[in-house]
């Protein structure tokens, strides 16, 4: 769990937990959201974030091609 604007944010890619958090109005983010935020804050480069994204996909994160493409775009947008 992380804090954002003094509100807790649950960081998870687990679908049932994400659904529960939504039902309880708890802020959620996934691993891709963490990468995007790191780029926005200047904590890593867009290229580093993309390499992490690809590594996640390689180890079984089960990311669809369309999700990877969308994540790449969001990472690029965050870098601008």
N, C-alpha and C. Protein backbone atom coordinates (compact mmCIF):
# COMPACT_ATOMS: atom_id res chain seq x y z
N UNK A 1 0.85 -1.17 0.00
CA UNK A 1 0.00 0.00 0.00
C UNK A 1 0.89 1.23 0.00
N UNK A 2 0.44 2.25 -0.70
CA UNK A 2 1.16 3.51 -0.77
C UNK A 2 0.20 4.63 -0.38
N UNK A 3 0.73 5.83 -0.21
CA UNK A 3 -0.13 6.98 0.08
C UNK A 3 -0.08 7.96 -1.06
N UNK A 4 -1.23 8.46 -1.41
CA UNK A 4 -1.33 9.48 -2.45
C UNK A 4 -2.31 10.52 -1.94
N UNK A 5 -1.81 11.72 -1.78
CA UNK A 5 -2.65 12.80 -1.25
C UNK A 5 -3.31 12.39 0.06
N UNK A 6 -2.53 11.73 0.92
CA UNK A 6 -3.01 11.29 2.23
C UNK A 6 -4.11 10.23 2.16
N UNK A 7 -4.33 9.66 0.98
CA UNK A 7 -5.28 8.55 0.85
C UNK A 7 -4.49 7.30 0.50
N UNK A 8 -4.83 6.19 1.11
CA UNK A 8 -4.11 4.96 0.77
C UNK A 8 -4.39 4.53 -0.66
N UNK A 9 -3.38 3.96 -1.29
CA UNK A 9 -3.51 3.41 -2.63
C UNK A 9 -3.01 1.97 -2.56
N UNK A 10 -3.84 1.04 -2.96
CA UNK A 10 -3.43 -0.35 -3.00
C UNK A 10 -2.77 -0.61 -4.34
N UNK A 11 -1.58 -1.17 -4.31
CA UNK A 11 -0.84 -1.50 -5.53
C UNK A 11 -0.96 -3.00 -5.73
N UNK A 12 -1.68 -3.39 -6.77
CA UNK A 12 -1.89 -4.81 -7.03
C UNK A 12 -2.29 -5.02 -8.48
N UNK A 13 -1.96 -6.19 -8.99
CA UNK A 13 -2.43 -6.61 -10.31
C UNK A 13 -3.44 -7.75 -10.17
N UNK A 14 -3.79 -8.07 -8.93
CA UNK A 14 -4.73 -9.15 -8.65
C UNK A 14 -6.16 -8.69 -8.92
N UNK A 15 -6.81 -9.31 -9.90
CA UNK A 15 -8.13 -8.87 -10.33
C UNK A 15 -9.18 -8.89 -9.21
N UNK A 16 -9.31 -9.98 -8.46
CA UNK A 16 -10.32 -9.96 -7.38
C UNK A 16 -10.07 -8.86 -6.35
N UNK A 17 -8.80 -8.63 -6.00
CA UNK A 17 -8.50 -7.56 -5.04
C UNK A 17 -8.82 -6.20 -5.64
N UNK A 18 -8.52 -6.01 -6.92
CA UNK A 18 -8.84 -4.73 -7.58
C UNK A 18 -10.35 -4.49 -7.56
N UNK A 19 -11.13 -5.54 -7.82
CA UNK A 19 -12.59 -5.41 -7.81
C UNK A 19 -13.10 -5.07 -6.41
N UNK A 20 -12.52 -5.69 -5.40
CA UNK A 20 -12.92 -5.39 -4.02
C UNK A 20 -12.59 -3.95 -3.67
N UNK A 21 -11.40 -3.50 -4.04
CA UNK A 21 -11.00 -2.12 -3.77
C UNK A 21 -11.94 -1.14 -4.46
N UNK A 22 -12.29 -1.42 -5.70
CA UNK A 22 -13.23 -0.55 -6.42
C UNK A 22 -14.55 -0.47 -5.69
N UNK A 23 -15.05 -1.63 -5.25
CA UNK A 23 -16.33 -1.66 -4.54
C UNK A 23 -16.28 -0.85 -3.25
N UNK A 24 -15.11 -0.80 -2.63
CA UNK A 24 -14.95 -0.06 -1.37
C UNK A 24 -14.43 1.37 -1.59
N UNK A 25 -14.33 1.78 -2.84
CA UNK A 25 -13.85 3.12 -3.20
C UNK A 25 -12.43 3.38 -2.70
N UNK A 26 -11.61 2.35 -2.71
CA UNK A 26 -10.21 2.48 -2.35
C UNK A 26 -9.42 2.69 -3.64
N UNK A 27 -8.53 3.67 -3.63
CA UNK A 27 -7.71 3.93 -4.81
C UNK A 27 -6.81 2.74 -5.09
N UNK A 28 -6.66 2.40 -6.38
CA UNK A 28 -5.83 1.28 -6.76
C UNK A 28 -4.91 1.67 -7.91
N UNK A 29 -3.82 0.97 -8.00
CA UNK A 29 -2.91 1.10 -9.13
C UNK A 29 -2.29 -0.26 -9.34
N UNK A 30 -1.86 -0.50 -10.55
CA UNK A 30 -1.16 -1.73 -10.86
C UNK A 30 0.31 -1.44 -11.13
N UNK A 31 1.02 -2.46 -11.50
CA UNK A 31 2.45 -2.31 -11.73
C UNK A 31 2.73 -1.34 -12.89
N UNK A 32 1.87 -1.34 -13.90
CA UNK A 32 2.07 -0.40 -15.01
C UNK A 32 1.87 1.04 -14.52
N UNK A 33 0.90 1.24 -13.67
CA UNK A 33 0.68 2.57 -13.10
C UNK A 33 1.87 3.04 -12.29
N UNK A 34 2.52 2.13 -11.60
CA UNK A 34 3.71 2.47 -10.83
C UNK A 34 4.83 2.91 -11.77
N UNK A 35 4.99 2.19 -12.88
CA UNK A 35 6.02 2.57 -13.87
C UNK A 35 5.74 3.97 -14.43
N UNK A 36 4.50 4.22 -14.78
CA UNK A 36 4.12 5.52 -15.34
C UNK A 36 4.39 6.63 -14.33
N UNK A 37 4.02 6.41 -13.09
CA UNK A 37 4.24 7.42 -12.05
C UNK A 37 5.73 7.68 -11.84
N UNK A 38 6.54 6.62 -11.90
CA UNK A 38 7.99 6.79 -11.73
C UNK A 38 8.56 7.66 -12.84
N UNK A 39 8.06 7.49 -14.06
CA UNK A 39 8.53 8.33 -15.18
C UNK A 39 8.06 9.77 -14.96
N UNK A 40 6.81 9.95 -14.57
CA UNK A 40 6.28 11.30 -14.32
C UNK A 40 7.12 12.04 -13.28
N UNK A 41 7.55 11.33 -12.27
CA UNK A 41 8.30 11.95 -11.18
C UNK A 41 9.79 12.05 -11.48
N UNK A 42 10.21 11.55 -12.63
CA UNK A 42 11.62 11.62 -13.00
C UNK A 42 12.48 10.60 -12.27
N UNK A 43 11.86 9.59 -11.70
CA UNK A 43 12.60 8.57 -10.95
C UNK A 43 13.19 7.50 -11.87
N UNK A 44 12.72 7.44 -13.09
CA UNK A 44 13.33 6.57 -14.11
C UNK A 44 12.99 7.13 -15.48
N UNK A 45 13.75 6.72 -16.45
CA UNK A 45 13.51 7.18 -17.82
C UNK A 45 12.41 6.35 -18.46
N UNK A 46 11.87 6.87 -19.53
CA UNK A 46 10.85 6.13 -20.29
C UNK A 46 11.42 4.82 -20.80
N UNK A 47 12.66 4.84 -21.26
CA UNK A 47 13.28 3.61 -21.76
C UNK A 47 13.45 2.58 -20.66
N UNK A 48 13.86 3.00 -19.48
CA UNK A 48 13.98 2.07 -18.35
C UNK A 48 12.62 1.48 -17.99
N UNK A 49 11.59 2.33 -17.99
CA UNK A 49 10.24 1.85 -17.67
C UNK A 49 9.77 0.84 -18.71
N UNK A 50 10.05 1.10 -19.97
CA UNK A 50 9.65 0.16 -21.02
C UNK A 50 10.40 -1.15 -20.90
N UNK A 51 11.69 -1.09 -20.57
CA UNK A 51 12.46 -2.32 -20.37
C UNK A 51 11.89 -3.14 -19.21
N UNK A 52 11.46 -2.46 -18.17
CA UNK A 52 10.82 -3.14 -17.04
C UNK A 52 9.50 -3.76 -17.47
N UNK A 53 8.74 -3.03 -18.26
CA UNK A 53 7.48 -3.54 -18.80
C UNK A 53 7.71 -4.82 -19.60
N UNK A 54 8.70 -4.81 -20.48
CA UNK A 54 9.00 -5.99 -21.30
C UNK A 54 9.47 -7.15 -20.43
N UNK A 55 10.25 -6.85 -19.40
CA UNK A 55 10.73 -7.89 -18.49
C UNK A 55 9.55 -8.52 -17.73
N UNK A 56 8.61 -7.69 -17.33
CA UNK A 56 7.42 -8.20 -16.65
C UNK A 56 6.66 -9.15 -17.56
N UNK A 57 6.55 -8.78 -18.81
CA UNK A 57 5.84 -9.60 -19.79
C UNK A 57 6.57 -10.93 -19.99
N UNK A 58 7.89 -10.90 -20.01
CA UNK A 58 8.68 -12.11 -20.22
C UNK A 58 8.58 -13.10 -19.08
N UNK A 59 8.37 -12.61 -17.86
CA UNK A 59 8.32 -13.52 -16.72
C UNK A 59 6.90 -13.96 -16.37
N UNK A 60 5.97 -13.67 -17.24
CA UNK A 60 4.63 -14.23 -17.06
C UNK A 60 3.57 -13.30 -16.54
N UNK A 61 3.71 -12.01 -16.73
CA UNK A 61 2.69 -11.07 -16.28
C UNK A 61 1.42 -11.16 -17.14
N UNK A 62 1.49 -11.91 -18.22
CA UNK A 62 0.33 -12.13 -19.12
C UNK A 62 -0.25 -10.82 -19.63
N UNK A 63 0.59 -9.99 -20.21
CA UNK A 63 0.15 -8.72 -20.77
C UNK A 63 -0.20 -8.94 -22.24
N UNK A 64 -1.36 -8.47 -22.63
CA UNK A 64 -1.75 -8.58 -24.03
C UNK A 64 -0.94 -7.59 -24.86
N UNK A 65 -0.86 -7.85 -26.15
CA UNK A 65 -0.13 -6.95 -27.05
C UNK A 65 -0.73 -5.55 -27.01
N UNK A 66 -2.05 -5.47 -26.93
CA UNK A 66 -2.70 -4.15 -26.90
C UNK A 66 -2.39 -3.41 -25.59
N UNK A 67 -2.30 -4.15 -24.49
CA UNK A 67 -1.96 -3.51 -23.21
C UNK A 67 -0.52 -3.01 -23.21
N UNK A 68 0.39 -3.79 -23.77
CA UNK A 68 1.79 -3.36 -23.85
C UNK A 68 1.88 -2.10 -24.71
N UNK A 69 1.18 -2.08 -25.83
CA UNK A 69 1.20 -0.90 -26.71
C UNK A 69 0.64 0.32 -25.99
N UNK A 70 -0.47 0.14 -25.27
CA UNK A 70 -1.08 1.25 -24.53
C UNK A 70 -0.15 1.73 -23.42
N UNK A 71 0.47 0.79 -22.72
CA UNK A 71 1.41 1.14 -21.65
C UNK A 71 2.60 1.92 -22.21
N UNK A 72 3.11 1.49 -23.36
CA UNK A 72 4.22 2.23 -23.99
C UNK A 72 3.82 3.67 -24.27
N UNK A 73 2.60 3.86 -24.77
CA UNK A 73 2.12 5.21 -25.07
C UNK A 73 2.00 6.04 -23.80
N UNK A 74 1.44 5.45 -22.75
CA UNK A 74 1.29 6.16 -21.48
C UNK A 74 2.64 6.53 -20.89
N UNK A 75 3.61 5.63 -21.03
CA UNK A 75 4.97 5.91 -20.55
C UNK A 75 5.57 7.07 -21.33
N UNK A 76 5.41 7.04 -22.66
CA UNK A 76 5.92 8.14 -23.49
C UNK A 76 5.25 9.46 -23.11
N UNK A 77 3.92 9.42 -22.89
CA UNK A 77 3.20 10.63 -22.50
C UNK A 77 3.71 11.15 -21.16
N UNK A 78 3.99 10.25 -20.23
CA UNK A 78 4.48 10.65 -18.92
C UNK A 78 5.86 11.30 -19.00
N UNK A 79 6.63 10.90 -19.99
CA UNK A 79 7.98 11.46 -20.15
C UNK A 79 7.94 12.87 -20.71
N UNK A 80 6.86 13.24 -21.37
CA UNK A 80 6.76 14.57 -21.98
C UNK A 80 6.38 15.64 -21.00
